[in-house]
């Protein structure tokens, strides 16, 4: 079986990770940013339902460190992620109500 070189060179995800980036604001939109401000390239990261979880921030930190890019991840949910609907079983009703409030053109 062959493996990608990336499998051997990219560090493993750390479960108790402490992010190295910082939170900034663009108007009223919070942003997680990491990497050189004068980088020649940048990446915009769009998270999943778990939003600004430390694992997602770790992904941003790895991109910035490995590639030298400026990485920006907007917090479109503004601190109100949907992860809680999966913590004690699956709260479908709660999730659907939350999506109804969040999945609008205003986001």
PDB file of N, CA and C in Angstrom:
ATOM      1  N   UNK A   1       0.847  -1.166   0.000  1.00  0.00           N
ATOM      2  CA  UNK A   1       0.000   0.000   0.000  1.00  0.00           C
ATOM      3  C   UNK A   1       0.896   1.234   0.000  1.00  0.00           C
ATOM      4  N   UNK A   2       0.579   2.208  -0.839  1.00  0.00           N
ATOM      5  CA  UNK A   2       1.377   3.433  -0.854  1.00  0.00           C
ATOM      6  C   UNK A   2       0.622   4.556  -0.148  1.00  0.00           C
ATOM      7  N   UNK A   3       1.375   5.473   0.401  1.00  0.00           N
ATOM      8  CA  UNK A   3       0.815   6.607   1.130  1.00  0.00           C
ATOM      9  C   UNK A   3       1.305   7.901   0.513  1.00  0.00           C
ATOM     10  N   UNK A   4       0.526   8.934   0.676  1.00  0.00           N
ATOM     11  CA  UNK A   4       0.933  10.261   0.247  1.00  0.00           C
ATOM     12  C   UNK A   4       2.050  10.756   1.162  1.00  0.00           C
ATOM     13  N   UNK A   5       2.985  11.507   0.625  1.00  0.00           N
ATOM     14  CA  UNK A   5       4.044  12.094   1.451  1.00  0.00           C
ATOM     15  C   UNK A   5       3.464  12.990   2.536  1.00  0.00           C
ATOM     16  N   UNK A   6       2.315  13.593   2.268  1.00  0.00           N
ATOM     17  CA  UNK A   6       1.682  14.469   3.258  1.00  0.00           C
ATOM     18  C   UNK A   6       1.332  13.699   4.525  1.00  0.00           C
ATOM     19  N   UNK A   7       0.986  12.421   4.377  1.00  0.00           N
ATOM     20  CA  UNK A   7       0.636  11.610   5.549  1.00  0.00           C
ATOM     21  C   UNK A   7       1.808  11.475   6.512  1.00  0.00           C
ATOM     22  N   UNK A   8       2.998  11.539   5.995  1.00  0.00           N
ATOM     23  CA  UNK A   8       4.186  11.365   6.833  1.00  0.00           C
ATOM     24  C   UNK A   8       4.770  12.682   7.317  1.00  0.00           C
ATOM     25  N   UNK A   9       4.410  13.802   6.697  1.00  0.00           N
ATOM     26  CA  UNK A   9       5.063  15.062   7.033  1.00  0.00           C
ATOM     27  C   UNK A   9       4.176  16.052   7.778  1.00  0.00           C
ATOM     28  N   UNK A  10       2.875  15.911   7.695  1.00  0.00           N
ATOM     29  CA  UNK A  10       1.977  16.837   8.388  1.00  0.00           C
ATOM     30  C   UNK A  10       1.768  16.336   9.807  1.00  0.00           C
ATOM     31  N   UNK A  11       1.934  17.226  10.796  1.00  0.00           N
ATOM     32  CA  UNK A  11       1.778  16.775  12.185  1.00  0.00           C
ATOM     33  C   UNK A  11       0.349  16.339  12.491  1.00  0.00           C
ATOM     34  N   UNK A  12       0.232  15.440  13.440  1.00  0.00           N
ATOM     35  CA  UNK A  12      -1.090  14.957  13.854  1.00  0.00           C
ATOM     36  C   UNK A  12      -1.858  16.064  14.570  1.00  0.00           C
ATOM     37  N   UNK A  13      -3.179  15.970  14.541  1.00  0.00           N
ATOM     38  CA  UNK A  13      -4.019  16.920  15.261  1.00  0.00           C
ATOM     39  C   UNK A  13      -3.890  16.634  16.754  1.00  0.00           C
ATOM     40  N   UNK A  14      -3.750  17.698  17.537  1.00  0.00           N
ATOM     41  CA  UNK A  14      -3.604  17.586  18.988  1.00  0.00           C
ATOM     42  C   UNK A  14      -4.950  17.891  19.626  1.00  0.00           C
ATOM     43  N   UNK A  15      -5.437  17.010  20.498  1.00  0.00           N
ATOM     44  CA  UNK A  15      -6.787  17.176  21.050  1.00  0.00           C
ATOM     45  C   UNK A  15      -6.897  18.325  22.041  1.00  0.00           C
ATOM     46  N   UNK A  16      -5.829  18.652  22.749  1.00  0.00           N
ATOM     47  CA  UNK A  16      -5.888  19.757  23.716  1.00  0.00           C
ATOM     48  C   UNK A  16      -5.092  20.956  23.202  1.00  0.00           C
ATOM     49  N   UNK A  17      -5.296  21.274  21.947  1.00  0.00           N
ATOM     50  CA  UNK A  17      -4.521  22.287  21.232  1.00  0.00           C
ATOM     51  C   UNK A  17      -4.817  23.703  21.717  1.00  0.00           C
ATOM     52  N   UNK A  18      -3.768  24.513  21.806  1.00  0.00           N
ATOM     53  CA  UNK A  18      -3.902  25.936  22.107  1.00  0.00           C
ATOM     54  C   UNK A  18      -3.581  26.722  20.842  1.00  0.00           C
ATOM     55  N   UNK A  19      -4.579  27.380  20.238  1.00  0.00           N
ATOM     56  CA  UNK A  19      -4.367  28.112  18.991  1.00  0.00           C
ATOM     57  C   UNK A  19      -3.304  29.203  19.134  1.00  0.00           C
ATOM     58  N   UNK A  20      -2.589  29.466  18.035  1.00  0.00           N
ATOM     59  CA  UNK A  20      -1.550  30.492  18.045  1.00  0.00           C
ATOM     60  C   UNK A  20      -1.993  31.776  17.357  1.00  0.00           C
ATOM     61  N   UNK A  21      -3.117  31.740  16.652  1.00  0.00           N
ATOM     62  CA  UNK A  21      -3.621  32.923  15.969  1.00  0.00           C
ATOM     63  C   UNK A  21      -4.319  33.862  16.928  1.00  0.00           C
ATOM     64  N   UNK A  22      -5.008  34.837  16.366  1.00  0.00           N
ATOM     65  CA  UNK A  22      -5.709  35.811  17.206  1.00  0.00           C
ATOM     66  C   UNK A  22      -7.069  36.139  16.602  1.00  0.00           C
ATOM     67  N   UNK A  23      -7.927  36.674  17.441  1.00  0.00           N
ATOM     68  CA  UNK A  23      -9.247  37.115  16.997  1.00  0.00           C
ATOM     69  C   UNK A  23      -9.169  38.602  16.663  1.00  0.00           C
ATOM     70  N   UNK A  24      -9.742  38.951  15.518  1.00  0.00           N
ATOM     71  CA  UNK A  24      -9.833  40.341  15.079  1.00  0.00           C
ATOM     72  C   UNK A  24     -11.263  40.560  14.631  1.00  0.00           C
ATOM     73  N   UNK A  25     -11.603  41.786  14.307  1.00  0.00           N
ATOM     74  CA  UNK A  25     -12.944  42.086  13.804  1.00  0.00           C
ATOM     75  C   UNK A  25     -12.853  42.816  12.482  1.00  0.00           C
ATOM     76  N   UNK A  26     -13.771  42.488  11.596  1.00  0.00           N
ATOM     77  CA  UNK A  26     -13.973  43.214  10.355  1.00  0.00           C
ATOM     78  C   UNK A  26     -15.385  43.763  10.462  1.00  0.00           C
ATOM     79  N   UNK A  27     -15.521  45.002  10.900  1.00  0.00           N
ATOM     80  CA  UNK A  27     -16.835  45.525  11.254  1.00  0.00           C
ATOM     81  C   UNK A  27     -17.344  44.752  12.451  1.00  0.00           C
ATOM     82  N   UNK A  28     -18.526  44.143  12.312  1.00  0.00           N
ATOM     83  CA  UNK A  28     -19.072  43.339  13.416  1.00  0.00           C
ATOM     84  C   UNK A  28     -18.822  41.842  13.230  1.00  0.00           C
ATOM     85  N   UNK A  29     -17.992  41.488  12.248  1.00  0.00           N
ATOM     86  CA  UNK A  29     -17.705  40.080  11.964  1.00  0.00           C
ATOM     87  C   UNK A  29     -16.389  39.659  12.616  1.00  0.00           C
ATOM     88  N   UNK A  30     -16.436  38.744  13.605  1.00  0.00           N
ATOM     89  CA  UNK A  30     -15.195  38.249  14.209  1.00  0.00           C
ATOM     90  C   UNK A  30     -14.432  37.367  13.217  1.00  0.00           C
ATOM     91  N   UNK A  31     -13.104  37.448  13.262  1.00  0.00           N
ATOM     92  CA  UNK A  31     -12.236  36.669  12.386  1.00  0.00           C
ATOM     93  C   UNK A  31     -11.141  36.014  13.212  1.00  0.00           C
ATOM     94  N   UNK A  32     -10.842  34.759  12.924  1.00  0.00           N
ATOM     95  CA  UNK A  32      -9.641  34.127  13.467  1.00  0.00           C
ATOM     96  C   UNK A  32      -8.574  34.303  12.407  1.00  0.00           C
ATOM     97  N   UNK A  33      -7.431  34.880  12.770  1.00  0.00           N
ATOM     98  CA  UNK A  33      -6.364  35.124  11.808  1.00  0.00           C
ATOM     99  C   UNK A  33      -5.050  34.566  12.334  1.00  0.00           C
ATOM    100  N   UNK A  34      -4.241  34.090  11.412  1.00  0.00           N
ATOM    101  CA  UNK A  34      -2.925  33.550  11.765  1.00  0.00           C
ATOM    102  C   UNK A  34      -2.036  33.631  10.529  1.00  0.00           C
ATOM    103  N   UNK A  35      -0.761  33.750  10.746  1.00  0.00           N
ATOM    104  CA  UNK A  35       0.193  33.821   9.644  1.00  0.00           C
ATOM    105  C   UNK A  35       0.680  35.241   9.430  1.00  0.00           C
ATOM    106  N   UNK A  36       1.717  35.394   8.622  1.00  0.00           N
ATOM    107  CA  UNK A  36       2.317  36.710   8.416  1.00  0.00           C
ATOM    108  C   UNK A  36       1.345  37.691   7.754  1.00  0.00           C
ATOM    109  N   UNK A  37       1.265  38.897   8.307  1.00  0.00           N
ATOM    110  CA  UNK A  37       0.375  39.914   7.732  1.00  0.00           C
ATOM    111  C   UNK A  37       0.862  40.363   6.359  1.00  0.00           C
ATOM    112  N   UNK A  38       2.144  40.182   6.079  1.00  0.00           N
ATOM    113  CA  UNK A  38       2.692  40.585   4.782  1.00  0.00           C
ATOM    114  C   UNK A  38       2.863  39.398   3.827  1.00  0.00           C
ATOM    115  N   UNK A  39       2.169  38.295   4.101  1.00  0.00           N
ATOM    116  CA  UNK A  39       2.259  37.105   3.242  1.00  0.00           C
ATOM    117  C   UNK A  39       1.812  37.439   1.820  1.00  0.00           C
ATOM    118  N   UNK A  40       2.414  36.791   0.855  1.00  0.00           N
ATOM    119  CA  UNK A  40       2.069  37.003  -0.562  1.00  0.00           C
ATOM    120  C   UNK A  40       0.778  36.285  -0.951  1.00  0.00           C
ATOM    121  N   UNK A  41       0.377  35.285  -0.152  1.00  0.00           N
ATOM    122  CA  UNK A  41      -0.844  34.530  -0.425  1.00  0.00           C
ATOM    123  C   UNK A  41      -1.658  34.421   0.852  1.00  0.00           C
ATOM    124  N   UNK A  42      -2.963  34.278   0.660  1.00  0.00           N
ATOM    125  CA  UNK A  42      -3.869  34.131   1.805  1.00  0.00           C
ATOM    126  C   UNK A  42      -4.912  33.069   1.485  1.00  0.00           C
ATOM    127  N   UNK A  43      -5.459  32.496   2.540  1.00  0.00           N
ATOM    128  CA  UNK A  43      -6.505  31.485   2.411  1.00  0.00           C
ATOM    129  C   UNK A  43      -7.667  31.903   3.294  1.00  0.00           C
ATOM    130  N   UNK A  44      -8.859  31.800   2.756  1.00  0.00           N
ATOM    131  CA  UNK A  44     -10.080  32.038   3.517  1.00  0.00           C
ATOM    132  C   UNK A  44     -10.653  30.672   3.868  1.00  0.00           C
ATOM    133  N   UNK A  45     -10.726  30.361   5.160  1.00  0.00           N
ATOM    134  CA  UNK A  45     -11.226  29.066   5.624  1.00  0.00           C
ATOM    135  C   UNK A  45     -12.679  29.229   6.045  1.00  0.00           C
ATOM    136  N   UNK A  46     -13.534  28.370   5.534  1.00  0.00           N
ATOM    137  CA  UNK A  46     -14.947  28.348   5.913  1.00  0.00           C
ATOM    138  C   UNK A  46     -15.169  27.069   6.714  1.00  0.00           C
ATOM    139  N   UNK A  47     -15.590  27.235   7.950  1.00  0.00           N
ATOM    140  CA  UNK A  47     -15.728  26.093   8.850  1.00  0.00           C
ATOM    141  C   UNK A  47     -17.036  25.336   8.635  1.00  0.00           C
ATOM    142  N   UNK A  48     -17.167  24.214   9.369  1.00  0.00           N
ATOM    143  CA  UNK A  48     -18.397  23.427   9.336  1.00  0.00           C
ATOM    144  C   UNK A  48     -19.290  23.849  10.503  1.00  0.00           C
ATOM    145  N   UNK A  49     -20.230  23.031  10.873  1.00  0.00           N
ATOM    146  CA  UNK A  49     -21.211  23.372  11.909  1.00  0.00           C
ATOM    147  C   UNK A  49     -20.572  23.599  13.283  1.00  0.00           C
ATOM    148  N   UNK A  50     -19.360  23.068  13.492  1.00  0.00           N
ATOM    149  CA  UNK A  50     -18.687  23.237  14.787  1.00  0.00           C
ATOM    150  C   UNK A  50     -17.955  24.570  14.906  1.00  0.00           C
ATOM    151  N   UNK A  51     -17.941  25.339  13.849  1.00  0.00           N
ATOM    152  CA  UNK A  51     -17.458  26.720  13.843  1.00  0.00           C
ATOM    153  C   UNK A  51     -16.009  26.865  14.289  1.00  0.00           C
ATOM    154  N   UNK A  52     -15.754  27.784  15.203  1.00  0.00           N
ATOM    155  CA  UNK A  52     -14.393  28.127  15.618  1.00  0.00           C
ATOM    156  C   UNK A  52     -13.837  27.181  16.675  1.00  0.00           C
ATOM    157  N   UNK A  53     -14.077  25.919  16.521  1.00  0.00           N
ATOM    158  CA  UNK A  53     -13.537  24.908  17.436  1.00  0.00           C
ATOM    159  C   UNK A  53     -12.008  24.934  17.338  1.00  0.00           C
ATOM    160  N   UNK A  54     -11.326  24.592  18.419  1.00  0.00           N
ATOM    161  CA  UNK A  54      -9.859  24.606  18.407  1.00  0.00           C
ATOM    162  C   UNK A  54      -9.262  23.687  17.350  1.00  0.00           C
ATOM    163  N   UNK A  55      -9.945  22.599  16.999  1.00  0.00           N
ATOM    164  CA  UNK A  55      -9.438  21.727  15.927  1.00  0.00           C
ATOM    165  C   UNK A  55      -9.414  22.469  14.595  1.00  0.00           C
ATOM    166  N   UNK A  56     -10.423  23.294  14.348  1.00  0.00           N
ATOM    167  CA  UNK A  56     -10.470  24.065  13.106  1.00  0.00           C
ATOM    168  C   UNK A  56      -9.407  25.159  13.125  1.00  0.00           C
ATOM    169  N   UNK A  57      -9.212  25.766  14.288  1.00  0.00           N
ATOM    170  CA  UNK A  57      -8.140  26.763  14.416  1.00  0.00           C
ATOM    171  C   UNK A  57      -6.778  26.099  14.207  1.00  0.00           C
ATOM    172  N   UNK A  58      -6.637  24.870  14.685  1.00  0.00           N
ATOM    173  CA  UNK A  58      -5.375  24.152  14.491  1.00  0.00           C
ATOM    174  C   UNK A  58      -5.119  23.924  13.002  1.00  0.00           C
ATOM    175  N   UNK A  59      -6.161  23.602  12.254  1.00  0.00           N
ATOM    176  CA  UNK A  59      -6.034  23.452  10.803  1.00  0.00           C
ATOM    177  C   UNK A  59      -5.508  24.750  10.188  1.00  0.00           C
ATOM    178  N   UNK A  60      -6.063  25.880  10.613  1.00  0.00           N
ATOM    179  CA  UNK A  60      -5.606  27.188  10.122  1.00  0.00           C
ATOM    180  C   UNK A  60      -4.141  27.418  10.484  1.00  0.00           C
ATOM    181  N   UNK A  61      -3.780  27.092  11.719  1.00  0.00           N
ATOM    182  CA  UNK A  61      -2.403  27.279  12.184  1.00  0.00           C
ATOM    183  C   UNK A  61      -1.425  26.432  11.372  1.00  0.00           C
ATOM    184  N   UNK A  62      -1.826  25.199  11.049  1.00  0.00           N
ATOM    185  CA  UNK A  62      -0.968  24.316  10.243  1.00  0.00           C
ATOM    186  C   UNK A  62      -0.781  24.900   8.847  1.00  0.00           C
ATOM    187  N   UNK A  63      -1.860  25.381   8.228  1.00  0.00           N
ATOM    188  CA  UNK A  63      -1.744  26.000   6.899  1.00  0.00           C
ATOM    189  C   UNK A  63      -0.781  27.178   6.929  1.00  0.00           C
ATOM    190  N   UNK A  64      -0.941  28.035   7.938  1.00  0.00           N
ATOM    191  CA  UNK A  64      -0.091  29.221   8.037  1.00  0.00           C
ATOM    192  C   UNK A  64       1.376  28.836   8.222  1.00  0.00           C
ATOM    193  N   UNK A  65       1.631  27.877   9.095  1.00  0.00           N
ATOM    194  CA  UNK A  65       3.012  27.483   9.395  1.00  0.00           C
ATOM    195  C   UNK A  65       3.657  26.725   8.235  1.00  0.00           C
ATOM    196  N   UNK A  66       2.947  25.744   7.682  1.00  0.00           N
ATOM    197  CA  UNK A  66       3.516  24.901   6.628  1.00  0.00           C
ATOM    198  C   UNK A  66       3.696  25.655   5.303  1.00  0.00           C
ATOM    199  N   UNK A  67       2.778  26.594   5.028  1.00  0.00           N
ATOM    200  CA  UNK A  67       2.774  27.242   3.714  1.00  0.00           C
ATOM    201  C   UNK A  67       3.221  28.701   3.743  1.00  0.00           C
ATOM    202  N   UNK A  68       3.272  29.300   4.944  1.00  0.00           N
ATOM    203  CA  UNK A  68       3.644  30.706   5.039  1.00  0.00           C
ATOM    204  C   UNK A  68       2.538  31.654   4.615  1.00  0.00           C
ATOM    205  N   UNK A  69       1.307  31.156   4.590  1.00  0.00           N
ATOM    206  CA  UNK A  69       0.170  31.965   4.159  1.00  0.00           C
ATOM    207  C   UNK A  69      -0.452  32.731   5.322  1.00  0.00           C
ATOM    208  N   UNK A  70      -1.169  33.784   5.002  1.00  0.00           N
ATOM    209  CA  UNK A  70      -2.062  34.444   5.948  1.00  0.00           C
ATOM    210  C   UNK A  70      -3.370  33.667   5.862  1.00  0.00           C
ATOM    211  N   UNK A  71      -3.891  33.220   6.982  1.00  0.00           N
ATOM    212  CA  UNK A  71      -5.118  32.425   7.005  1.00  0.00           C
ATOM    213  C   UNK A  71      -6.163  33.195   7.804  1.00  0.00           C
ATOM    214  N   UNK A  72      -7.333  33.339   7.204  1.00  0.00           N
ATOM    215  CA  UNK A  72      -8.434  34.074   7.833  1.00  0.00           C
ATOM    216  C   UNK A  72      -9.662  33.173   7.856  1.00  0.00           C
ATOM    217  N   UNK A  73     -10.266  33.044   9.038  1.00  0.00           N
ATOM    218  CA  UNK A  73     -11.481  32.244   9.181  1.00  0.00           C
ATOM    219  C   UNK A  73     -12.559  33.115   9.846  1.00  0.00           C
ATOM    220  N   UNK A  74     -13.535  33.600   9.059  1.00  0.00           N
ATOM    221  CA  UNK A  74     -14.616  34.411   9.638  1.00  0.00           C
ATOM    222  C   UNK A  74     -15.521  33.563  10.526  1.00  0.00           C
ATOM    223  N   UNK A  75     -16.033  34.174  11.588  1.00  0.00           N
ATOM    224  CA  UNK A  75     -16.992  33.488  12.462  1.00  0.00           C
ATOM    225  C   UNK A  75     -18.398  33.923  12.059  1.00  0.00           C
ATOM    226  N   UNK A  76     -18.909  33.307  11.001  1.00  0.00           N
ATOM    227  CA  UNK A  76     -20.236  33.660  10.499  1.00  0.00           C
ATOM    228  C   UNK A  76     -21.331  33.393  11.526  1.00  0.00           C
ATOM    229  N   UNK A  77     -21.118  32.434  12.420  1.00  0.00           N
ATOM    230  CA  UNK A  77     -22.119  32.121  13.450  1.00  0.00           C
ATOM    231  C   UNK A  77     -22.002  33.038  14.657  1.00  0.00           C
ATOM    232  N   UNK A  78     -20.958  33.865  14.686  1.00  0.00           N
ATOM    233  CA  UNK A  78     -20.735  34.846  15.758  1.00  0.00           C
ATOM    234  C   UNK A  78     -20.816  34.212  17.152  1.00  0.00           C
ATOM    235  N   UNK A  79     -20.089  33.111  17.304  1.00  0.00           N
ATOM    236  CA  UNK A  79     -19.987  32.451  18.597  1.00  0.00           C
ATOM    237  C   UNK A  79     -21.088  31.467  18.918  1.00  0.00           C
ATOM    238  N   UNK A  80     -22.066  31.315  18.040  1.00  0.00           N
ATOM    239  CA  UNK A  80     -23.204  30.425  18.304  1.00  0.00           C
ATOM    240  C   UNK A  80     -23.147  29.221  17.366  1.00  0.00           C
ATOM    241  N   UNK A  81     -22.234  28.274  17.666  1.00  0.00           N
ATOM    242  CA  UNK A  81     -22.085  27.120  16.777  1.00  0.00           C
ATOM    243  C   UNK A  81     -23.168  26.076  17.028  1.00  0.00           C
ATOM    244  N   UNK A  82     -23.286  25.131  16.112  1.00  0.00           N
ATOM    245  CA  UNK A  82     -24.325  24.110  16.203  1.00  0.00           C
ATOM    246  C   UNK A  82     -23.887  22.807  16.836  1.00  0.00           C
ATOM    247  N   UNK A  83     -22.686  22.750  17.373  1.00  0.00           N
ATOM    248  CA  UNK A  83     -22.177  21.516  17.955  1.00  0.00           C
ATOM    249  C   UNK A  83     -22.997  20.989  19.115  1.00  0.00           C
ATOM    250  N   UNK A  84     -23.651  21.881  19.833  1.00  0.00           N
ATOM    251  CA  UNK A  84     -24.417  21.454  21.020  1.00  0.00           C
ATOM    252  C   UNK A  84     -25.566  20.514  20.668  1.00  0.00           C
ATOM    253  N   UNK A  85     -26.016  20.520  19.433  1.00  0.00           N
ATOM    254  CA  UNK A  85     -27.137  19.669  19.029  1.00  0.00           C
ATOM    255  C   UNK A  85     -26.727  18.209  18.835  1.00  0.00           C
ATOM    256  N   UNK A  86     -25.432  17.926  18.970  1.00  0.00           N
ATOM    257  CA  UNK A  86     -24.912  16.569  18.801  1.00  0.00           C
ATOM    258  C   UNK A  86     -24.263  16.030  20.071  1.00  0.00           C
ATOM    259  N   UNK A  87     -24.276  16.798  21.164  1.00  0.00           N
ATOM    260  CA  UNK A  87     -23.540  16.412  22.373  1.00  0.00           C
ATOM    261  C   UNK A  87     -24.227  15.325  23.183  1.00  0.00           C
ATOM    262  N   UNK A  88     -25.510  15.415  23.390  1.00  0.00           N
ATOM    263  CA  UNK A  88     -26.256  14.420  24.181  1.00  0.00           C
ATOM    264  C   UNK A  88     -27.303  13.765  23.293  1.00  0.00           C
ATOM    265  N   UNK A  89     -26.832  12.976  22.348  1.00  0.00           N
ATOM    266  CA  UNK A  89     -27.742  12.433  21.349  1.00  0.00           C
ATOM    267  C   UNK A  89     -27.881  13.455  20.233  1.00  0.00           C
ATOM    268  N   UNK A  90     -28.906  13.320  19.436  1.00  0.00           N
ATOM    269  CA  UNK A  90     -29.123  14.223  18.311  1.00  0.00           C
ATOM    270  C   UNK A  90     -30.417  14.984  18.530  1.00  0.00           C
ATOM    271  N   UNK A  91     -30.327  16.293  18.687  1.00  0.00           N
ATOM    272  CA  UNK A  91     -31.485  17.166  18.881  1.00  0.00           C
ATOM    273  C   UNK A  91     -31.896  17.748  17.527  1.00  0.00           C
ATOM    274  N   UNK A  92     -32.635  16.952  16.754  1.00  0.00           N
ATOM    275  CA  UNK A  92     -33.032  17.369  15.407  1.00  0.00           C
ATOM    276  C   UNK A  92     -33.885  18.632  15.424  1.00  0.00           C
ATOM    277  N   UNK A  93     -34.854  18.697  16.332  1.00  0.00           N
ATOM    278  CA  UNK A  93     -35.724  19.871  16.409  1.00  0.00           C
ATOM    279  C   UNK A  93     -34.920  21.138  16.686  1.00  0.00           C
ATOM    280  N   UNK A  94     -34.031  21.050  17.667  1.00  0.00           N
ATOM    281  CA  UNK A  94     -33.193  22.199  18.007  1.00  0.00           C
ATOM    282  C   UNK A  94     -32.297  22.612  16.857  1.00  0.00           C
ATOM    283  N   UNK A  95     -31.718  21.619  16.175  1.00  0.00           N
ATOM    284  CA  UNK A  95     -30.843  21.902  15.045  1.00  0.00           C
ATOM    285  C   UNK A  95     -31.608  22.585  13.916  1.00  0.00           C
ATOM    286  N   UNK A  96     -32.797  22.079  13.596  1.00  0.00           N
ATOM    287  CA  UNK A  96     -33.582  22.674  12.511  1.00  0.00           C
ATOM    288  C   UNK A  96     -33.981  24.117  12.844  1.00  0.00           C
ATOM    289  N   UNK A  97     -34.329  24.375  14.093  1.00  0.00           N
ATOM    290  CA  UNK A  97     -34.671  25.744  14.505  1.00  0.00           C
ATOM    291  C   UNK A  97     -33.442  26.646  14.392  1.00  0.00           C
ATOM    292  N   UNK A  98     -32.292  26.135  14.817  1.00  0.00           N
ATOM    293  CA  UNK A  98     -31.046  26.902  14.753  1.00  0.00           C
ATOM    294  C   UNK A  98     -30.680  27.217  13.303  1.00  0.00           C
ATOM    295  N   UNK A  99     -30.800  26.228  12.423  1.00  0.00           N
ATOM    296  CA  UNK A  99     -30.514  26.447  11.001  1.00  0.00           C
ATOM    297  C   UNK A  99     -31.462  27.492  10.433  1.00  0.00           C
ATOM    298  N   UNK A 100     -32.731  27.430  10.817  1.00  0.00           N
ATOM    299  CA  UNK A 100     -33.705  28.414  10.356  1.00  0.00           C
ATOM    300  C   UNK A 100     -33.343  29.833  10.751  1.00  0.00           C
ATOM    301  N   UNK A 101     -32.710  29.984  11.896  1.00  0.00           N
ATOM    302  CA  UNK A 101     -32.290  31.312  12.351  1.00  0.00           C
ATOM    303  C   UNK A 101     -30.973  31.745  11.713  1.00  0.00           C
ATOM    304  N   UNK A 102     -30.105  30.799  11.401  1.00  0.00           N
ATOM    305  CA  UNK A 102     -28.754  31.115  10.926  1.00  0.00           C
ATOM    306  C   UNK A 102     -28.605  31.072   9.403  1.00  0.00           C
ATOM    307  N   UNK A 103     -29.350  30.240   8.740  1.00  0.00           N
ATOM    308  CA  UNK A 103     -29.156  30.038   7.301  1.00  0.00           C
ATOM    309  C   UNK A 103     -29.992  31.027   6.501  1.00  0.00           C
ATOM    310  N   UNK A 104     -29.629  32.288   6.647  1.00  0.00           N
ATOM    311  CA  UNK A 104     -30.340  33.336   5.915  1.00  0.00           C
ATOM    312  C   UNK A 104     -29.355  34.107   5.059  1.00  0.00           C
ATOM    313  N   UNK A 105     -29.864  34.926   4.181  1.00  0.00           N
ATOM    314  CA  UNK A 105     -29.026  35.734   3.307  1.00  0.00           C
ATOM    315  C   UNK A 105     -28.197  36.741   4.103  1.00  0.00           C
ATOM    316  N   UNK A 106     -28.657  37.100   5.311  1.00  0.00           N
ATOM    317  CA  UNK A 106     -27.932  38.078   6.124  1.00  0.00           C
ATOM    318  C   UNK A 106     -26.581  37.556   6.608  1.00  0.00           C
ATOM    319  N   UNK A 107     -26.417  36.240   6.665  1.00  0.00           N
ATOM    320  CA  UNK A 107     -25.136  35.683   7.110  1.00  0.00           C
ATOM    321  C   UNK A 107     -24.138  35.983   6.045  1.00  0.00           C
TER     322      UNK A 107
END
